[in-house]
Amino acid sequence: ERVWLAYGNRLKGIFHMGAHDTASKYQFGERLAKVCGFDFSNVKRASLKTSSLIPPRPPYIALDGSEIESRLGSSQPSVDDTIRELAEDIQLRIERKPEYADR
C-alpha cells in the first residue's frame, strides 16, 4: 500500500519502507506466533556473536524510514500493525487451503 502511495506521489529515490519501530527476528517471530496462535516453545533464541555465518552479519540491521515518512507526511506502520496484517493473510491462506494448517 505504501509503495503505491509513494508511486502515486511520484517520489523518486531510494527509500527504506518497513515498520516505524523495530523488533529482532526472534521478537518478530514470537509476536507473530502469539497473534496466530502458533506454538513458539521450540524456538531458541540465538546470537550473532556466537554464530558462524559466512559472511558475518552486522548486529543491528534496522532500516531508517524517516525519509519516506517525511516525504509522505505520515508514519510507517508499527511492527505490531505489520504482524496483524501478516496474521490476517496467513489465516486467509489457511482458510483457502487447509493443508497449510498442518505446517
PDB file of N, CA and C in Angstrom:
ATOM      1  N   GLU A   1       0.824  -1.186   0.000  1.00  0.00           N
ATOM      2  CA  GLU A   1       0.000   0.000   0.000  1.00  0.00           C
ATOM      3  C   GLU A   1       0.878   1.265   0.000  1.00  0.00           C
ATOM      4  N   ARG A   2       1.882   1.277   0.867  1.00  0.00           N
ATOM      5  CA  ARG A   2       2.739   2.467   0.960  1.00  0.00           C
ATOM      6  C   ARG A   2       3.593   2.629  -0.295  1.00  0.00           C
ATOM      7  N   VAL A   3       3.933   1.525  -0.926  1.00  0.00           N
ATOM      8  CA  VAL A   3       4.692   1.607  -2.181  1.00  0.00           C
ATOM      9  C   VAL A   3       3.843   2.329  -3.225  1.00  0.00           C
ATOM     10  N   TRP A   4       2.566   1.961  -3.297  1.00  0.00           N
ATOM     11  CA  TRP A   4       1.669   2.617  -4.252  1.00  0.00           C
ATOM     12  C   TRP A   4       1.459   4.088  -3.912  1.00  0.00           C
ATOM     13  N   LEU A   5       1.438   4.401  -2.634  1.00  0.00           N
ATOM     14  CA  LEU A   5       1.311   5.798  -2.217  1.00  0.00           C
ATOM     15  C   LEU A   5       2.533   6.603  -2.674  1.00  0.00           C
ATOM     16  N   ALA A   6       3.714   6.031  -2.491  1.00  0.00           N
ATOM     17  CA  ALA A   6       4.938   6.698  -2.953  1.00  0.00           C
ATOM     18  C   ALA A   6       4.919   6.844  -4.473  1.00  0.00           C
ATOM     19  N   TYR A   7       4.488   5.793  -5.148  1.00  0.00           N
ATOM     20  CA  TYR A   7       4.403   5.831  -6.607  1.00  0.00           C
ATOM     21  C   TYR A   7       3.409   6.901  -7.055  1.00  0.00           C
ATOM     22  N   GLY A   8       2.242   6.935  -6.406  1.00  0.00           N
ATOM     23  CA  GLY A   8       1.209   7.908  -6.754  1.00  0.00           C
ATOM     24  C   GLY A   8       1.661   9.345  -6.522  1.00  0.00           C
ATOM     25  N   ASN A   9       2.561   9.540  -5.564  1.00  0.00           N
ATOM     26  CA  ASN A   9       3.118  10.870  -5.297  1.00  0.00           C
ATOM     27  C   ASN A   9       4.355  11.150  -6.136  1.00  0.00           C
ATOM     28  N   ARG A  10       4.654  10.245  -7.029  1.00  0.00           N
ATOM     29  CA  ARG A  10       5.786  10.374  -7.960  1.00  0.00           C
ATOM     30  C   ARG A  10       7.116  10.632  -7.243  1.00  0.00           C
ATOM     31  N   LEU A  11       7.289   9.963  -6.093  1.00  0.00           N
ATOM     32  CA  LEU A  11       8.552  10.102  -5.363  1.00  0.00           C
ATOM     33  C   LEU A  11       9.646   9.383  -6.115  1.00  0.00           C
ATOM     34  N   LYS A  12      10.808   9.987  -6.135  1.00  0.00           N
ATOM     35  CA  LYS A  12      11.965   9.378  -6.801  1.00  0.00           C
ATOM     36  C   LYS A  12      13.083   9.247  -5.792  1.00  0.00           C
ATOM     37  N   GLY A  13      13.817   8.172  -5.895  1.00  0.00           N
ATOM     38  CA  GLY A  13      14.930   7.939  -4.990  1.00  0.00           C
ATOM     39  C   GLY A  13      14.840   6.560  -4.374  1.00  0.00           C
ATOM     40  N   ILE A  14      15.698   6.315  -3.432  1.00  0.00           N
ATOM     41  CA  ILE A  14      15.715   5.046  -2.712  1.00  0.00           C
ATOM     42  C   ILE A  14      15.236   5.317  -1.301  1.00  0.00           C
ATOM     43  N   PHE A  15      14.210   4.576  -0.884  1.00  0.00           N
ATOM     44  CA  PHE A  15      13.618   4.768   0.432  1.00  0.00           C
ATOM     45  C   PHE A  15      13.555   3.444   1.169  1.00  0.00           C
ATOM     46  N   HIS A  16      13.727   3.500   2.470  1.00  0.00           N
ATOM     47  CA  HIS A  16      13.514   2.326   3.310  1.00  0.00           C
ATOM     48  C   HIS A  16      12.048   2.306   3.711  1.00  0.00           C
ATOM     49  N   MET A  17      11.388   1.210   3.436  1.00  0.00           N
ATOM     50  CA  MET A  17       9.998   1.051   3.844  1.00  0.00           C
ATOM     51  C   MET A  17       9.916  -0.174   4.731  1.00  0.00           C
ATOM     52  N   GLY A  18       9.410   0.017   5.891  1.00  0.00           N
ATOM     53  CA  GLY A  18       9.256  -1.072   6.847  1.00  0.00           C
ATOM     54  C   GLY A  18       8.393  -0.565   7.970  1.00  0.00           C
ATOM     55  N   ALA A  19       8.654  -1.059   9.138  1.00  0.00           N
ATOM     56  CA  ALA A  19       7.896  -0.608  10.302  1.00  0.00           C
ATOM     57  C   ALA A  19       8.520   0.658  10.871  1.00  0.00           C
ATOM     58  N   HIS A  20       7.700   1.406  11.573  1.00  0.00           N
ATOM     59  CA  HIS A  20       8.170   2.630  12.213  1.00  0.00           C
ATOM     60  C   HIS A  20       9.109   2.314  13.379  1.00  0.00           C
ATOM     61  N   ASP A  21       8.835   1.209  14.065  1.00  0.00           N
ATOM     62  CA  ASP A  21       9.672   0.779  15.185  1.00  0.00           C
ATOM     63  C   ASP A  21      10.463  -0.469  14.764  1.00  0.00           C
ATOM     64  N   THR A  22      11.148  -1.105  15.696  1.00  0.00           N
ATOM     65  CA  THR A  22      11.980  -2.253  15.344  1.00  0.00           C
ATOM     66  C   THR A  22      11.676  -3.447  16.236  1.00  0.00           C
ATOM     67  N   ALA A  23      12.060  -4.611  15.745  1.00  0.00           N
ATOM     68  CA  ALA A  23      11.984  -5.855  16.509  1.00  0.00           C
ATOM     69  C   ALA A  23      13.044  -6.786  15.945  1.00  0.00           C
ATOM     70  N   SER A  24      13.649  -7.571  16.798  1.00  0.00           N
ATOM     71  CA  SER A  24      14.607  -8.568  16.322  1.00  0.00           C
ATOM     72  C   SER A  24      13.828  -9.653  15.573  1.00  0.00           C
ATOM     73  N   LYS A  25      14.526 -10.495  14.851  1.00  0.00           N
ATOM     74  CA  LYS A  25      13.848 -11.599  14.154  1.00  0.00           C
ATOM     75  C   LYS A  25      13.141 -12.498  15.162  1.00  0.00           C
ATOM     76  N   TYR A  26      13.783 -12.727  16.282  1.00  0.00           N
ATOM     77  CA  TYR A  26      13.184 -13.549  17.332  1.00  0.00           C
ATOM     78  C   TYR A  26      11.907 -12.893  17.867  1.00  0.00           C
ATOM     79  N   GLN A  27      11.983 -11.598  18.189  1.00  0.00           N
ATOM     80  CA  GLN A  27      10.808 -10.883  18.707  1.00  0.00           C
ATOM     81  C   GLN A  27       9.676 -10.884  17.681  1.00  0.00           C
ATOM     82  N   PHE A  28      10.018 -10.680  16.417  1.00  0.00           N
ATOM     83  CA  PHE A  28       9.006 -10.675  15.364  1.00  0.00           C
ATOM     84  C   PHE A  28       8.317 -12.037  15.300  1.00  0.00           C
ATOM     85  N   GLY A  29       9.112 -13.097  15.292  1.00  0.00           N
ATOM     86  CA  GLY A  29       8.552 -14.448  15.239  1.00  0.00           C
ATOM     87  C   GLY A  29       7.702 -14.766  16.455  1.00  0.00           C
ATOM     88  N   GLU A  30       8.172 -14.344  17.610  1.00  0.00           N
ATOM     89  CA  GLU A  30       7.439 -14.584  18.854  1.00  0.00           C
ATOM     90  C   GLU A  30       6.082 -13.880  18.828  1.00  0.00           C
ATOM     91  N   ARG A  31       6.075 -12.629  18.403  1.00  0.00           N
ATOM     92  CA  ARG A  31       4.816 -11.866  18.332  1.00  0.00           C
ATOM     93  C   ARG A  31       3.868 -12.457  17.294  1.00  0.00           C
ATOM     94  N   LEU A  32       4.419 -12.838  16.132  1.00  0.00           N
ATOM     95  CA  LEU A  32       3.590 -13.425  15.080  1.00  0.00           C
ATOM     96  C   LEU A  32       2.985 -14.740  15.554  1.00  0.00           C
ATOM     97  N   ALA A  33       3.779 -15.576  16.199  1.00  0.00           N
ATOM     98  CA  ALA A  33       3.271 -16.852  16.708  1.00  0.00           C
ATOM     99  C   ALA A  33       2.146 -16.621  17.707  1.00  0.00           C
ATOM    100  N   LYS A  34       2.313 -15.638  18.577  1.00  0.00           N
ATOM    101  CA  LYS A  34       1.290 -15.347  19.585  1.00  0.00           C
ATOM    102  C   LYS A  34      -0.017 -14.912  18.929  1.00  0.00           C
ATOM    103  N   VAL A  35       0.066 -13.991  17.973  1.00  0.00           N
ATOM    104  CA  VAL A  35      -1.134 -13.481  17.293  1.00  0.00           C
ATOM    105  C   VAL A  35      -1.825 -14.597  16.506  1.00  0.00           C
ATOM    106  N   CYS A  36      -1.029 -15.493  15.894  1.00  0.00           N
ATOM    107  CA  CYS A  36      -1.592 -16.570  15.081  1.00  0.00           C
ATOM    108  C   CYS A  36      -1.984 -17.793  15.899  1.00  0.00           C
ATOM    109  N   GLY A  37      -1.586 -17.817  17.172  1.00  0.00           N
ATOM    110  CA  GLY A  37      -1.882 -18.980  17.999  1.00  0.00           C
ATOM    111  C   GLY A  37      -0.971 -20.152  17.724  1.00  0.00           C
ATOM    112  N   PHE A  38       0.236 -19.886  17.193  1.00  0.00           N
ATOM    113  CA  PHE A  38       1.197 -20.944  16.899  1.00  0.00           C
ATOM    114  C   PHE A  38       2.055 -21.230  18.124  1.00  0.00           C
ATOM    115  N   ASP A  39       2.516 -22.468  18.230  1.00  0.00           N
ATOM    116  CA  ASP A  39       3.415 -22.862  19.313  1.00  0.00           C
ATOM    117  C   ASP A  39       4.812 -22.324  19.017  1.00  0.00           C
ATOM    118  N   PHE A  40       5.352 -21.585  19.935  1.00  0.00           N
ATOM    119  CA  PHE A  40       6.679 -20.982  19.760  1.00  0.00           C
ATOM    120  C   PHE A  40       7.684 -21.585  20.741  1.00  0.00           C
ATOM    121  N   SER A  41       7.266 -22.587  21.497  1.00  0.00           N
ATOM    122  CA  SER A  41       8.085 -23.107  22.589  1.00  0.00           C
ATOM    123  C   SER A  41       9.371 -23.793  22.124  1.00  0.00           C
ATOM    124  N   ASN A  42       9.409 -24.283  20.906  1.00  0.00           N
ATOM    125  CA  ASN A  42      10.613 -24.974  20.418  1.00  0.00           C
ATOM    126  C   ASN A  42      11.621 -24.039  19.764  1.00  0.00           C
ATOM    127  N   VAL A  43      11.283 -22.783  19.639  1.00  0.00           N
ATOM    128  CA  VAL A  43      12.189 -21.821  19.020  1.00  0.00           C
ATOM    129  C   VAL A  43      13.187 -21.348  20.064  1.00  0.00           C
ATOM    130  N   LYS A  44      14.451 -21.394  19.710  1.00  0.00           N
ATOM    131  CA  LYS A  44      15.506 -20.990  20.636  1.00  0.00           C
ATOM    132  C   LYS A  44      16.109 -19.667  20.187  1.00  0.00           C
ATOM    133  N   ARG A  45      16.339 -18.793  21.153  1.00  0.00           N
ATOM    134  CA  ARG A  45      16.982 -17.509  20.877  1.00  0.00           C
ATOM    135  C   ARG A  45      18.456 -17.779  20.542  1.00  0.00           C
ATOM    136  N   ALA A  46      18.973 -17.069  19.567  1.00  0.00           N
ATOM    137  CA  ALA A  46      20.374 -17.218  19.165  1.00  0.00           C
ATOM    138  C   ALA A  46      21.016 -15.837  19.101  1.00  0.00           C
ATOM    139  N   SER A  47      22.306 -15.818  18.990  1.00  0.00           N
ATOM    140  CA  SER A  47      23.044 -14.557  18.932  1.00  0.00           C
ATOM    141  C   SER A  47      24.006 -14.574  17.752  1.00  0.00           C
ATOM    142  N   LEU A  48      24.111 -13.455  17.084  1.00  0.00           N
ATOM    143  CA  LEU A  48      25.083 -13.354  16.003  1.00  0.00           C
ATOM    144  C   LEU A  48      26.512 -13.430  16.530  1.00  0.00           C
ATOM    145  N   LYS A  49      26.696 -13.069  17.786  1.00  0.00           N
ATOM    146  CA  LYS A  49      28.034 -13.110  18.375  1.00  0.00           C
ATOM    147  C   LYS A  49      28.596 -14.526  18.400  1.00  0.00           C
ATOM    148  N   THR A  50      27.728 -15.513  18.559  1.00  0.00           N
ATOM    149  CA  THR A  50      28.181 -16.900  18.615  1.00  0.00           C
ATOM    150  C   THR A  50      27.928 -17.636  17.304  1.00  0.00           C
ATOM    151  N   SER A  51      27.444 -16.939  16.319  1.00  0.00           N
ATOM    152  CA  SER A  51      27.128 -17.547  15.030  1.00  0.00           C
ATOM    153  C   SER A  51      28.376 -17.703  14.176  1.00  0.00           C
ATOM    154  N   SER A  52      28.345 -18.710  13.325  1.00  0.00           N
ATOM    155  CA  SER A  52      29.455 -18.902  12.387  1.00  0.00           C
ATOM    156  C   SER A  52      28.993 -18.642  10.955  1.00  0.00           C
ATOM    157  N   LEU A  53      28.035 -17.731  10.804  1.00  0.00           N
ATOM    158  CA  LEU A  53      27.541 -17.402   9.469  1.00  0.00           C
ATOM    159  C   LEU A  53      28.645 -16.793   8.619  1.00  0.00           C
ATOM    160  N   ILE A  54      28.638 -17.168   7.356  1.00  0.00           N
ATOM    161  CA  ILE A  54      29.610 -16.612   6.422  1.00  0.00           C
ATOM    162  C   ILE A  54      28.801 -15.985   5.303  1.00  0.00           C
ATOM    163  N   PRO A  55      28.966 -14.719   4.977  1.00  0.00           N
ATOM    164  CA  PRO A  55      29.804 -13.753   5.690  1.00  0.00           C
ATOM    165  C   PRO A  55      29.154 -13.362   7.011  1.00  0.00           C
ATOM    166  N   PRO A  56      29.936 -12.796   7.919  1.00  0.00           N
ATOM    167  CA  PRO A  56      29.373 -12.368   9.201  1.00  0.00           C
ATOM    168  C   PRO A  56      28.312 -11.293   8.998  1.00  0.00           C
ATOM    169  N   ARG A  57      27.363 -11.248   9.902  1.00  0.00           N
ATOM    170  CA  ARG A  57      26.272 -10.282   9.810  1.00  0.00           C
ATOM    171  C   ARG A  57      26.467  -9.165  10.833  1.00  0.00           C
ATOM    172  N   PRO A  58      26.041  -7.943  10.487  1.00  0.00           N
ATOM    173  CA  PRO A  58      26.122  -6.857  11.476  1.00  0.00           C
ATOM    174  C   PRO A  58      25.113  -7.095  12.597  1.00  0.00           C
ATOM    175  N   PRO A  59      25.392  -6.605  13.791  1.00  0.00           N
ATOM    176  CA  PRO A  59      24.494  -6.866  14.923  1.00  0.00           C
ATOM    177  C   PRO A  59      23.176  -6.097  14.864  1.00  0.00           C
ATOM    178  N   TYR A  60      23.133  -4.991  14.163  1.00  0.00           N
ATOM    179  CA  TYR A  60      21.912  -4.174  14.113  1.00  0.00           C
ATOM    180  C   TYR A  60      21.637  -3.809  12.665  1.00  0.00           C
ATOM    181  N   ILE A  61      20.487  -4.249  12.148  1.00  0.00           N
ATOM    182  CA  ILE A  61      20.212  -4.047  10.722  1.00  0.00           C
ATOM    183  C   ILE A  61      18.884  -3.341  10.461  1.00  0.00           C
ATOM    184  N   ALA A  62      18.385  -2.623  11.449  1.00  0.00           N
ATOM    185  CA  ALA A  62      17.114  -1.913  11.275  1.00  0.00           C
ATOM    186  C   ALA A  62      17.258  -0.833  10.193  1.00  0.00           C
ATOM    187  N   LEU A  63      16.190  -0.623   9.460  1.00  0.00           N
ATOM    188  CA  LEU A  63      16.173   0.401   8.420  1.00  0.00           C
ATOM    189  C   LEU A  63      15.650   1.718   8.985  1.00  0.00           C
ATOM    190  N   ASP A  64      16.089   2.808   8.406  1.00  0.00           N
ATOM    191  CA  ASP A  64      15.625   4.138   8.819  1.00  0.00           C
ATOM    192  C   ASP A  64      14.619   4.633   7.790  1.00  0.00           C
ATOM    193  N   GLY A  65      13.355   4.658   8.187  1.00  0.00           N
ATOM    194  CA  GLY A  65      12.297   5.071   7.275  1.00  0.00           C
ATOM    195  C   GLY A  65      11.901   6.526   7.408  1.00  0.00           C
ATOM    196  N   SER A  66      12.736   7.327   8.070  1.00  0.00           N
ATOM    197  CA  SER A  66      12.357   8.721   8.318  1.00  0.00           C
ATOM    198  C   SER A  66      12.208   9.522   7.022  1.00  0.00           C
ATOM    199  N   GLU A  67      12.967   9.202   6.002  1.00  0.00           N
ATOM    200  CA  GLU A  67      12.876   9.961   4.745  1.00  0.00           C
ATOM    201  C   GLU A  67      11.524   9.736   4.065  1.00  0.00           C
ATOM    202  N   ILE A  68      11.077   8.491   3.964  1.00  0.00           N
ATOM    203  CA  ILE A  68       9.780   8.239   3.329  1.00  0.00           C
ATOM    204  C   ILE A  68       8.652   8.784   4.187  1.00  0.00           C
ATOM    205  N   GLU A  69       8.798   8.714   5.512  1.00  0.00           N
ATOM    206  CA  GLU A  69       7.776   9.292   6.387  1.00  0.00           C
ATOM    207  C   GLU A  69       7.678  10.801   6.173  1.00  0.00           C
ATOM    208  N   SER A  70       8.816  11.443   6.055  1.00  0.00           N
ATOM    209  CA  SER A  70       8.847  12.887   5.840  1.00  0.00           C
ATOM    210  C   SER A  70       8.230  13.251   4.492  1.00  0.00           C
ATOM    211  N   ARG A  71       8.602  12.509   3.467  1.00  0.00           N
ATOM    212  CA  ARG A  71       8.109  12.824   2.119  1.00  0.00           C
ATOM    213  C   ARG A  71       6.616  12.549   1.968  1.00  0.00           C
ATOM    214  N   LEU A  72       6.098  11.522   2.661  1.00  0.00           N
ATOM    215  CA  LEU A  72       4.668  11.202   2.567  1.00  0.00           C
ATOM    216  C   LEU A  72       3.846  11.922   3.636  1.00  0.00           C
ATOM    217  N   GLY A  73       4.520  12.460   4.652  1.00  0.00           N
ATOM    218  CA  GLY A  73       3.824  13.172   5.713  1.00  0.00           C
ATOM    219  C   GLY A  73       3.058  12.272   6.667  1.00  0.00           C
ATOM    220  N   SER A  74       3.490  11.009   6.769  1.00  0.00           N
ATOM    221  CA  SER A  74       2.834  10.085   7.698  1.00  0.00           C
ATOM    222  C   SER A  74       3.818   9.012   8.142  1.00  0.00           C
ATOM    223  N   SER A  75       3.503   8.417   9.282  1.00  0.00           N
ATOM    224  CA  SER A  75       4.379   7.377   9.837  1.00  0.00           C
ATOM    225  C   SER A  75       4.178   6.052   9.120  1.00  0.00           C
ATOM    226  N   GLN A  76       5.225   5.267   9.123  1.00  0.00           N
ATOM    227  CA  GLN A  76       5.126   3.893   8.647  1.00  0.00           C
ATOM    228  C   GLN A  76       4.338   3.115   9.703  1.00  0.00           C
ATOM    229  N   PRO A  77       3.770   1.973   9.352  1.00  0.00           N
ATOM    230  CA  PRO A  77       3.050   1.185  10.350  1.00  0.00           C
ATOM    231  C   PRO A  77       4.015   0.638  11.407  1.00  0.00           C
ATOM    232  N   SER A  78       3.479   0.248  12.545  1.00  0.00           N
ATOM    233  CA  SER A  78       4.311  -0.338  13.598  1.00  0.00           C
ATOM    234  C   SER A  78       4.573  -1.810  13.285  1.00  0.00           C
ATOM    235  N   VAL A  79       5.521  -2.391  13.998  1.00  0.00           N
ATOM    236  CA  VAL A  79       5.789  -3.822  13.858  1.00  0.00           C
ATOM    237  C   VAL A  79       4.512  -4.600  14.165  1.00  0.00           C
ATOM    238  N   ASP A  80       3.812  -4.231  15.232  1.00  0.00           N
ATOM    239  CA  ASP A  80       2.589  -4.943  15.599  1.00  0.00           C
ATOM    240  C   ASP A  80       1.495  -4.798  14.537  1.00  0.00           C
ATOM    241  N   ASP A  81       1.394  -3.629  13.896  1.00  0.00           N
ATOM    242  CA  ASP A  81       0.441  -3.459  12.786  1.00  0.00           C
ATOM    243  C   ASP A  81       0.791  -4.417  11.647  1.00  0.00           C
ATOM    244  N   THR A  82       2.078  -4.496  11.338  1.00  0.00           N
ATOM    245  CA  THR A  82       2.552  -5.369  10.264  1.00  0.00           C
ATOM    246  C   THR A  82       2.263  -6.829  10.607  1.00  0.00           C
ATOM    247  N   ILE A  83       2.492  -7.205  11.857  1.00  0.00           N
ATOM    248  CA  ILE A  83       2.233  -8.576  12.290  1.00  0.00           C
ATOM    249  C   ILE A  83       0.748  -8.903  12.176  1.00  0.00           C
ATOM    250  N   ARG A  84      -0.112  -7.976  12.570  1.00  0.00           N
ATOM    251  CA  ARG A  84      -1.558  -8.212  12.452  1.00  0.00           C
ATOM    252  C   ARG A  84      -1.959  -8.428  10.985  1.00  0.00           C
ATOM    253  N   GLU A  85      -1.409  -7.618  10.086  1.00  0.00           N
ATOM    254  CA  GLU A  85      -1.714  -7.783   8.658  1.00  0.00           C
ATOM    255  C   GLU A  85      -1.214  -9.133   8.163  1.00  0.00           C
ATOM    256  N   LEU A  86      -0.014  -9.501   8.555  1.00  0.00           N
ATOM    257  CA  LEU A  86       0.553 -10.780   8.144  1.00  0.00           C
ATOM    258  C   LEU A  86      -0.271 -11.941   8.699  1.00  0.00           C
ATOM    259  N   ALA A  87      -0.693 -11.833   9.957  1.00  0.00           N
ATOM    260  CA  ALA A  87      -1.512 -12.879  10.573  1.00  0.00           C
ATOM    261  C   ALA A  87      -2.839 -13.032   9.829  1.00  0.00           C
ATOM    262  N   GLU A  88      -3.439 -11.918   9.422  1.00  0.00           N
ATOM    263  CA  GLU A  88      -4.685 -11.979   8.655  1.00  0.00           C
ATOM    264  C   GLU A  88      -4.456 -12.696   7.328  1.00  0.00           C
ATOM    265  N   ASP A  89      -3.337 -12.402   6.669  1.00  0.00           N
ATOM    266  CA  ASP A  89      -3.012 -13.057   5.405  1.00  0.00           C
ATOM    267  C   ASP A  89      -2.795 -14.555   5.619  1.00  0.00           C
ATOM    268  N   ILE A  90      -2.092 -14.914   6.678  1.00  0.00           N
ATOM    269  CA  ILE A  90      -1.859 -16.332   6.974  1.00  0.00           C
ATOM    270  C   ILE A  90      -3.197 -17.035   7.205  1.00  0.00           C
ATOM    271  N   GLN A  91      -4.076 -16.418   7.975  1.00  0.00           N
ATOM    272  CA  GLN A  91      -5.381 -17.022   8.255  1.00  0.00           C
ATOM    273  C   GLN A  91      -6.179 -17.214   6.973  1.00  0.00           C
ATOM    274  N   LEU A  92      -6.151 -16.234   6.071  1.00  0.00           N
ATOM    275  CA  LEU A  92      -6.867 -16.381   4.795  1.00  0.00           C
ATOM    276  C   LEU A  92      -6.298 -17.533   3.980  1.00  0.00           C
ATOM    277  N   ARG A  93      -4.984 -17.685   3.982  1.00  0.00           N
ATOM    278  CA  ARG A  93      -4.363 -18.788   3.236  1.00  0.00           C
ATOM    279  C   ARG A  93      -4.756 -20.133   3.830  1.00  0.00           C
ATOM    280  N   ILE A  94      -4.804 -20.211   5.153  1.00  0.00           N
ATOM    281  CA  ILE A  94      -5.201 -21.457   5.809  1.00  0.00           C
ATOM    282  C   ILE A  94      -6.653 -21.788   5.473  1.00  0.00           C
ATOM    283  N   GLU A  95      -7.519 -20.774   5.469  1.00  0.00           N
ATOM    284  CA  GLU A  95      -8.932 -20.999   5.157  1.00  0.00           C
ATOM    285  C   GLU A  95      -9.117 -21.458   3.722  1.00  0.00           C
ATOM    286  N   ARG A  96      -8.305 -20.923   2.800  1.00  0.00           N
ATOM    287  CA  ARG A  96      -8.419 -21.302   1.389  1.00  0.00           C
ATOM    288  C   ARG A  96      -7.813 -22.668   1.119  1.00  0.00           C
ATOM    289  N   LYS A  97      -6.714 -22.972   1.804  1.00  0.00           N
ATOM    290  CA  LYS A  97      -6.015 -24.237   1.590  1.00  0.00           C
ATOM    291  C   LYS A  97      -5.724 -24.862   2.952  1.00  0.00           C
ATOM    292  N   PRO A  98      -6.640 -25.681   3.458  1.00  0.00           N
ATOM    293  CA  PRO A  98      -6.488 -26.223   4.812  1.00  0.00           C
ATOM    294  C   PRO A  98      -5.188 -26.986   5.040  1.00  0.00           C
ATOM    295  N   GLU A  99      -4.525 -27.465   3.992  1.00  0.00           N
ATOM    296  CA  GLU A  99      -3.259 -28.189   4.206  1.00  0.00           C
ATOM    297  C   GLU A  99      -2.182 -27.302   4.802  1.00  0.00           C
ATOM    298  N   TYR A 100      -2.322 -25.970   4.684  1.00  0.00           N
ATOM    299  CA  TYR A 100      -1.372 -25.054   5.340  1.00  0.00           C
ATOM    300  C   TYR A 100      -1.445 -25.193   6.854  1.00  0.00           C
ATOM    301  N   ALA A 101      -2.601 -25.535   7.369  1.00  0.00           N
ATOM    302  CA  ALA A 101      -2.792 -25.620   8.822  1.00  0.00           C
ATOM    303  C   ALA A 101      -1.942 -26.714   9.437  1.00  0.00           C
ATOM    304  N   ASP A 102      -1.551 -27.702   8.648  1.00  0.00           N
ATOM    305  CA  ASP A 102      -0.739 -28.805   9.175  1.00  0.00           C
ATOM    306  C   ASP A 102       0.737 -28.476   9.268  1.00  0.00           C
ATOM    307  N   ARG A 103       1.147 -27.317   8.801  1.00  0.00           N
ATOM    308  CA  ARG A 103       2.576 -26.970   8.794  1.00  0.00           C
ATOM    309  C   ARG A 103       2.977 -26.288  10.052  1.00  0.00           C
TER     310      ARG A 103
END
